[in-house]
Amino acid sequence: MDLPGIARSRGHPQRGDKRTLAGHVHSVARTARLGPVSLVGHDIGGQIVYAFLRAFPGVAARAVILNVVIRASRPAAKSSAAPASGILAFTPCRSCRSCWSQGIRGATSISFFDAIAADPARISTDSRAAYAAAYLRADSLRAGFDWYRAFAQDEQDNLRSAATPVPTPVLYVRGDAEAATPEAYLNGLRTAGVTPLEGAVIGHCGHFSPDEQPQALAQVLQDFLRR
């Protein structure tokens, strides 16, 4: 589904926190009378899946979180990844902000696809054009930026629910070319109460598993969701 404000979804949502977005997903499922649903979310979508599991415990039959860090169990130290908690937190100093800004402005071209894919050629020209088109409108860009502006709120929401077990079976997936292996993140999710939890690694894959290795990902999903 197109998230609020993105692609064919028009207007601009008032909030970008993942708990609010999970509420929209729940409303769609309820309005469409889908019954027990299985949720699959990539990147920000994976964060929304996690928020759904917290906000609506037991509603989803199964859930899959792809290629993303969940701000899950406890605050992380500044400027570091905290594998034990499954949280990634980065607070740049003023100099870092300046360097980052200058680097972006001085770049001749910017492509996150090329930077964090195992093989950028696997992300087709048509796919890149479709993703770019989804964010062409000002409202779409603002909605997308709001997801990141809400990270601090997301972390607080997740912390408040971390002591409550998640009854839904969850699969956590990463690519083998991503910066970290799944084990640290799986441990963090277990610490946060996600106990029916499995992990999977997609070979020859970076951050964009649906585009880089669609067949391998489809097989992993089928194996998990059809049980």
Protein backbone atom coordinates (compact mmCIF):
# COMPACT_ATOMS: atom_id res chain seq x y z
CA MET A 1 0.00 0.00 0.00
CA ASP A 2 1.13 3.58 -0.63
CA LEU A 3 1.86 5.24 2.70
CA PRO A 4 -0.03 8.47 3.46
CA GLY A 5 1.14 11.25 1.17
CA ILE A 6 3.34 9.04 -1.01
CA ALA A 7 2.82 8.12 -4.70
CA ARG A 8 -0.92 7.81 -5.39
CA SER A 9 -1.88 8.69 -1.82
CA ARG A 10 -2.66 12.39 -1.86
CA GLY A 11 -2.48 15.06 0.82
CA HIS A 12 -0.06 15.34 3.71
CA PRO A 13 -0.41 13.38 6.95
CA GLN A 14 -0.17 15.36 10.16
CA ARG A 15 2.21 12.90 11.84
CA GLY A 16 5.12 10.78 10.65
CA ASP A 17 5.61 8.62 13.71
CA LYS A 18 5.37 4.91 13.00
CA ARG A 19 2.64 4.25 15.57
CA THR A 20 0.32 6.69 13.78
CA LEU A 21 1.18 5.16 10.40
CA ALA A 22 0.54 1.69 11.83
CA GLY A 23 -2.92 2.95 12.78
CA HIS A 24 -3.56 3.81 9.11
CA VAL A 25 -2.49 0.30 8.07
CA HIS A 26 -4.81 -1.19 10.68
CA SER A 27 -7.70 0.97 9.45
CA VAL A 28 -7.16 -0.19 5.86
CA ALA A 29 -7.13 -3.85 6.93
CA ARG A 30 -10.25 -3.39 9.06
CA THR A 31 -12.16 -1.41 6.43
CA ALA A 32 -11.32 -3.98 3.75
CA ARG A 33 -12.32 -6.77 6.16
CA LEU A 34 -9.11 -8.63 5.45
CA GLY A 35 -9.27 -10.72 8.60
CA PRO A 36 -5.96 -11.90 10.09
CA VAL A 37 -3.26 -10.27 7.97
CA SER A 38 0.42 -10.98 7.45
CA LEU A 39 2.50 -7.82 7.27
CA VAL A 40 5.72 -7.37 5.28
CA GLY A 41 7.58 -4.09 5.52
CA HIS A 42 10.89 -2.88 4.05
CA ASP A 43 12.98 -0.13 5.68
CA ILE A 44 10.52 2.45 7.08
CA GLY A 45 7.78 -0.06 6.29
CA GLY A 46 9.53 -2.51 8.63
CA GLN A 47 9.46 0.08 11.39
CA ILE A 48 5.73 0.49 10.79
CA VAL A 49 5.27 -3.29 11.00
CA TYR A 50 7.00 -3.28 14.39
CA ALA A 51 4.82 -0.38 15.58
CA PHE A 52 1.73 -2.30 14.39
CA LEU A 53 2.73 -5.33 16.46
CA ARG A 54 3.02 -3.09 19.50
CA ALA A 55 -0.12 -1.03 18.94
CA PHE A 56 -2.36 -3.96 17.93
CA PRO A 57 -1.02 -7.06 19.69
CA GLY A 58 -2.28 -10.34 18.29
CA VAL A 59 -4.02 -8.78 15.28
CA ALA A 60 -1.40 -9.78 12.69
CA ALA A 61 -1.02 -13.47 11.91
CA ARG A 62 2.65 -13.12 10.96
CA ALA A 63 5.07 -10.26 10.34
CA VAL A 64 8.25 -9.74 8.33
CA ILE A 65 10.70 -6.87 8.85
CA LEU A 66 13.17 -6.27 6.01
CA ASN A 67 16.52 -4.46 5.97
CA VAL A 68 16.03 -1.96 8.78
CA VAL A 69 17.05 -1.16 12.34
CA ILE A 70 14.26 -0.98 14.92
CA ARG A 71 14.50 1.48 17.74
CA ALA A 72 13.35 -1.19 20.08
CA SER A 73 14.47 -1.76 23.61
CA ARG A 74 16.50 0.98 25.25
CA PRO A 75 18.27 4.25 24.33
CA ALA A 76 21.58 3.84 22.52
CA ALA A 77 24.73 5.81 23.13
CA LYS A 78 25.22 8.83 20.95
CA SER A 79 27.00 8.42 17.64
CA SER A 80 26.95 4.65 17.82
CA ALA A 81 25.13 1.53 16.88
CA ALA A 82 24.00 -0.50 19.89
CA PRO A 83 23.72 -4.07 18.60
CA ALA A 84 22.55 -5.45 21.94
CA SER A 85 19.48 -3.23 21.85
CA GLY A 86 18.72 -3.34 18.16
CA ILE A 87 18.71 0.44 18.12
CA LEU A 88 20.72 2.70 15.87
CA ALA A 89 21.17 6.23 17.15
CA PHE A 90 23.36 8.91 15.58
CA THR A 91 23.66 12.41 16.95
CA PRO A 92 26.24 14.35 14.91
CA CYS A 93 28.22 17.20 16.40
CA ARG A 94 28.01 20.65 14.83
CA SER A 95 31.12 19.96 12.77
CA CYS A 96 29.64 16.70 11.45
CA ARG A 97 26.48 18.50 10.42
CA SER A 98 28.54 21.03 8.52
CA CYS A 99 30.70 18.37 6.85
CA TRP A 100 27.67 16.30 5.90
CA SER A 101 25.91 19.34 4.44
CA GLN A 102 28.97 20.38 2.47
CA GLY A 103 29.45 16.85 1.17
CA ILE A 104 25.88 16.66 -0.10
CA ARG A 105 26.05 20.07 -1.74
CA GLY A 106 29.37 19.30 -3.40
CA ALA A 107 28.41 15.91 -4.79
CA THR A 108 28.00 15.69 -8.55
CA SER A 109 25.41 12.93 -8.17
CA ILE A 110 23.71 11.22 -5.26
CA SER A 111 22.25 7.71 -5.33
CA PHE A 112 21.48 5.74 -2.21
CA PHE A 113 20.74 2.81 -4.52
CA ASP A 114 24.33 2.80 -5.72
CA ALA A 115 25.77 3.39 -2.25
CA ILE A 116 24.06 0.60 -0.28
CA ALA A 117 23.12 -2.01 -2.86
CA ALA A 118 25.39 -5.03 -3.29
CA ASP A 119 25.03 -4.69 -7.06
CA PRO A 120 23.42 -1.39 -8.15
CA ALA A 121 22.77 -2.84 -11.60
CA ARG A 122 20.09 -5.08 -10.07
CA ILE A 123 17.93 -2.02 -9.41
CA SER A 124 16.47 -1.36 -12.83
CA THR A 125 15.99 1.98 -14.51
CA ASP A 126 12.22 1.45 -14.38
CA SER A 127 12.32 0.82 -10.62
CA ARG A 128 14.43 3.90 -9.99
CA ALA A 129 12.03 6.00 -12.06
CA ALA A 130 9.02 4.63 -10.19
CA TYR A 131 10.55 5.39 -6.79
CA ALA A 132 11.55 8.90 -7.87
CA ALA A 133 8.07 9.55 -9.22
CA ALA A 134 6.54 8.54 -5.88
CA TYR A 135 8.27 11.52 -4.23
CA LEU A 136 7.94 14.19 -6.94
CA ARG A 137 5.34 16.27 -5.12
CA ALA A 138 6.30 18.61 -2.29
CA ASP A 139 3.78 16.90 0.00
CA SER A 140 5.39 13.55 -0.73
CA LEU A 141 8.86 14.80 0.12
CA ARG A 142 7.60 16.35 3.32
CA ALA A 143 5.82 13.15 4.31
CA GLY A 144 8.98 11.15 3.69
CA PHE A 145 11.15 13.56 5.68
CA ASP A 146 8.64 13.44 8.52
CA TRP A 147 9.29 9.71 8.94
CA TYR A 148 12.87 10.56 9.91
CA ARG A 149 11.95 13.59 11.99
CA ALA A 150 9.79 11.24 14.08
CA PHE A 151 12.62 8.84 15.00
CA ALA A 152 12.93 10.21 18.55
CA GLN A 153 9.19 9.74 19.07
CA ASP A 154 9.37 6.25 17.61
CA GLU A 155 12.08 5.30 20.06
CA GLN A 156 10.06 6.56 23.01
CA ASP A 157 6.95 4.72 21.81
CA ASN A 158 8.92 1.49 21.44
CA LEU A 159 10.57 1.87 24.82
CA ARG A 160 7.20 2.25 26.55
CA SER A 161 6.03 -1.07 25.12
CA ALA A 162 9.31 -3.01 25.34
CA ALA A 163 8.31 -4.95 28.46
CA THR A 164 5.23 -6.41 26.74
CA PRO A 165 5.76 -9.69 24.83
CA VAL A 166 4.87 -9.79 21.13
CA PRO A 167 2.76 -12.92 20.45
CA THR A 168 3.01 -12.72 16.64
CA PRO A 169 5.67 -14.81 14.86
CA VAL A 170 8.21 -12.42 13.32
CA LEU A 171 10.85 -12.90 10.62
CA TYR A 172 13.74 -10.42 10.45
CA VAL A 173 15.64 -10.28 7.13
CA ARG A 174 18.89 -8.62 6.05
CA GLY A 175 21.16 -8.83 3.03
CA ASP A 176 24.59 -10.41 3.40
CA ALA A 177 26.27 -7.27 2.03
CA GLU A 178 24.71 -4.95 4.62
CA ALA A 179 26.92 -3.42 7.25
CA ALA A 180 25.93 -5.73 10.11
CA THR A 181 24.79 -9.31 10.49
CA PRO A 182 21.27 -10.03 11.76
CA GLU A 183 22.32 -11.63 15.06
CA ALA A 184 22.83 -8.37 16.93
CA TYR A 185 19.45 -7.06 15.82
CA LEU A 186 17.72 -10.34 16.58
CA ASN A 187 19.12 -10.22 20.11
CA GLY A 188 17.83 -6.68 20.49
CA LEU A 189 14.35 -7.64 19.34
CA ARG A 190 14.29 -10.62 21.71
CA THR A 191 15.32 -8.31 24.54
CA ALA A 192 12.38 -6.10 23.58
CA GLY A 193 9.94 -9.00 23.94
CA VAL A 194 9.76 -10.34 20.38
CA THR A 195 10.17 -14.01 21.18
CA PRO A 196 8.57 -15.96 18.31
CA LEU A 197 11.44 -14.62 16.18
CA GLU A 198 13.44 -15.98 13.26
CA GLY A 199 16.20 -14.50 11.12
CA ALA A 200 17.15 -14.90 7.47
CA VAL A 201 19.99 -13.63 5.31
CA ILE A 202 19.58 -13.00 1.57
CA GLY A 203 22.76 -13.79 -0.34
CA HIS A 204 24.43 -11.36 -2.77
CA CYS A 205 22.15 -8.64 -1.47
CA GLY A 206 22.48 -5.20 0.03
CA HIS A 207 19.78 -2.99 1.52
CA PHE A 208 17.19 -3.29 -1.26
CA SER A 209 16.25 -6.96 -1.08
CA PRO A 210 12.92 -6.63 -2.99
CA ASP A 211 14.81 -5.23 -5.99
CA GLU A 212 18.21 -6.88 -5.66
CA GLN A 213 17.07 -10.46 -5.02
CA PRO A 214 13.29 -10.66 -5.60
CA GLN A 215 13.15 -14.40 -6.23
CA ALA A 216 15.28 -15.30 -3.22
CA LEU A 217 13.24 -12.96 -1.03
CA ALA A 218 9.96 -14.38 -2.36
CA GLN A 219 11.10 -17.87 -1.42
CA VAL A 220 12.03 -16.77 2.11
CA LEU A 221 8.65 -15.07 2.50
CA GLN A 222 6.72 -18.06 1.19
CA ASP A 223 8.55 -20.45 3.50
CA PHE A 224 7.71 -18.29 6.51
CA LEU A 225 4.19 -17.12 5.67
CA ARG A 226 2.80 -20.45 4.51
CA ARG A 227 3.62 -22.38 7.66
